N, C-alpha and C. Protein backbone atom coordinates (compact mmCIF):
# COMPACT_ATOMS: atom_id res chain seq x y z
N MET A 1 41.08 35.12 -5.96
CA MET A 1 39.74 34.64 -5.81
C MET A 1 39.00 34.87 -7.13
N LEU A 2 38.22 33.90 -7.51
CA LEU A 2 37.40 34.04 -8.71
C LEU A 2 36.09 34.72 -8.38
N GLU A 3 35.63 35.50 -9.31
CA GLU A 3 34.34 36.18 -9.20
C GLU A 3 33.39 35.56 -10.22
N PRO A 4 32.10 35.70 -10.03
CA PRO A 4 31.15 35.21 -11.02
C PRO A 4 31.48 35.77 -12.40
N GLY A 5 31.52 34.90 -13.38
CA GLY A 5 31.83 35.31 -14.75
C GLY A 5 33.30 35.21 -15.11
N ASP A 6 34.19 34.97 -14.12
CA ASP A 6 35.62 34.80 -14.41
C ASP A 6 35.83 33.49 -15.17
N ARG A 7 36.90 33.43 -15.95
CA ARG A 7 37.26 32.20 -16.66
C ARG A 7 37.80 31.18 -15.66
N VAL A 8 37.50 29.95 -15.91
CA VAL A 8 37.96 28.86 -15.06
C VAL A 8 39.42 28.55 -15.40
N PRO A 9 40.30 28.50 -14.38
CA PRO A 9 41.69 28.10 -14.67
C PRO A 9 41.71 26.66 -15.19
N ASP A 10 42.57 26.39 -16.16
CA ASP A 10 42.64 25.05 -16.74
C ASP A 10 43.60 24.20 -15.90
N VAL A 11 43.09 23.65 -14.82
CA VAL A 11 43.88 22.80 -13.93
C VAL A 11 43.28 21.40 -13.92
N THR A 12 44.06 20.43 -13.49
CA THR A 12 43.57 19.07 -13.37
C THR A 12 43.16 18.81 -11.93
N VAL A 13 41.96 18.29 -11.76
CA VAL A 13 41.43 17.94 -10.44
C VAL A 13 41.03 16.46 -10.50
N PHE A 14 40.57 15.91 -9.40
CA PHE A 14 40.15 14.52 -9.37
C PHE A 14 38.66 14.45 -9.10
N ASP A 15 37.98 13.58 -9.86
CA ASP A 15 36.54 13.42 -9.67
C ASP A 15 36.27 12.51 -8.47
N THR A 16 35.02 12.18 -8.25
CA THR A 16 34.64 11.38 -7.09
C THR A 16 35.17 9.95 -7.15
N ASP A 17 35.58 9.51 -8.34
CA ASP A 17 36.17 8.18 -8.50
C ASP A 17 37.70 8.25 -8.57
N VAL A 18 38.25 9.38 -8.21
CA VAL A 18 39.70 9.66 -8.18
C VAL A 18 40.33 9.52 -9.57
N HIS A 19 39.58 9.91 -10.60
CA HIS A 19 40.11 9.98 -11.95
C HIS A 19 40.46 11.44 -12.26
N PRO A 20 41.62 11.69 -12.85
CA PRO A 20 41.96 13.06 -13.19
C PRO A 20 41.05 13.60 -14.30
N VAL A 21 40.63 14.83 -14.15
CA VAL A 21 39.79 15.49 -15.14
C VAL A 21 40.14 16.97 -15.13
N ARG A 22 40.11 17.58 -16.30
CA ARG A 22 40.41 19.01 -16.39
C ARG A 22 39.19 19.81 -15.95
N LEU A 23 39.43 20.83 -15.19
CA LEU A 23 38.35 21.65 -14.65
C LEU A 23 37.54 22.30 -15.77
N THR A 24 38.19 22.66 -16.87
CA THR A 24 37.46 23.26 -17.98
C THR A 24 36.50 22.25 -18.62
N GLU A 25 36.83 20.95 -18.59
CA GLU A 25 35.91 19.94 -19.11
C GLU A 25 34.66 19.85 -18.24
N LEU A 26 34.85 19.92 -16.94
CA LEU A 26 33.70 19.90 -16.03
C LEU A 26 32.84 21.16 -16.20
N ALA A 27 33.49 22.29 -16.36
CA ALA A 27 32.76 23.56 -16.50
C ALA A 27 31.97 23.60 -17.79
N ALA A 28 32.40 22.89 -18.81
CA ALA A 28 31.67 22.86 -20.08
C ALA A 28 30.33 22.14 -19.92
N GLN A 29 30.19 21.31 -18.88
CA GLN A 29 28.95 20.57 -18.65
C GLN A 29 27.92 21.39 -17.89
N GLY A 30 28.33 22.49 -17.29
CA GLY A 30 27.39 23.33 -16.54
C GLY A 30 28.08 24.00 -15.37
N PRO A 31 27.33 24.72 -14.55
CA PRO A 31 27.92 25.43 -13.41
C PRO A 31 28.60 24.47 -12.43
N LEU A 32 29.64 24.98 -11.78
CA LEU A 32 30.39 24.20 -10.80
C LEU A 32 30.34 24.86 -9.44
N LEU A 33 30.40 24.04 -8.43
CA LEU A 33 30.59 24.52 -7.07
C LEU A 33 31.81 23.80 -6.53
N LEU A 34 32.86 24.54 -6.21
CA LEU A 34 34.08 23.96 -5.68
C LEU A 34 34.15 24.22 -4.19
N ALA A 35 34.49 23.20 -3.44
CA ALA A 35 34.64 23.35 -1.99
C ALA A 35 36.00 22.80 -1.59
N PHE A 36 36.69 23.52 -0.74
CA PHE A 36 38.00 23.11 -0.26
C PHE A 36 37.93 22.96 1.24
N TYR A 37 38.44 21.86 1.74
CA TYR A 37 38.39 21.58 3.17
C TYR A 37 39.80 21.67 3.76
N LEU A 38 40.04 22.67 4.53
CA LEU A 38 41.32 22.84 5.20
C LEU A 38 41.46 21.77 6.27
N TYR A 39 42.56 21.08 6.28
CA TYR A 39 42.88 20.02 7.26
C TYR A 39 41.97 18.80 7.12
N ASP A 40 41.42 18.56 5.96
CA ASP A 40 40.49 17.44 5.79
C ASP A 40 41.14 16.08 6.04
N TRP A 41 42.42 15.94 5.71
CA TRP A 41 43.08 14.64 5.87
C TRP A 41 44.09 14.63 7.01
N THR A 42 44.02 15.57 7.91
CA THR A 42 45.01 15.63 8.99
C THR A 42 44.55 14.97 10.27
N GLY A 43 43.28 14.61 10.38
CA GLY A 43 42.78 14.01 11.59
C GLY A 43 42.50 15.01 12.71
N THR A 44 42.48 16.31 12.38
CA THR A 44 42.19 17.33 13.39
C THR A 44 40.74 17.72 13.35
C-alpha cells in the first residue's frame, strides 16, 4: 500500500479514452486519486 509522500510506481494505465499513459506522467500534472473496483466487469 502506498502512503502519502511515497513515490508513484512507473506503471502503464489507461485514461478515460482507453489510451495507455504512464502513471508518472499523470502524477507530474498534479495529485492523483486512484480507485479500483473489484468485480467491476463481472456482472455481479
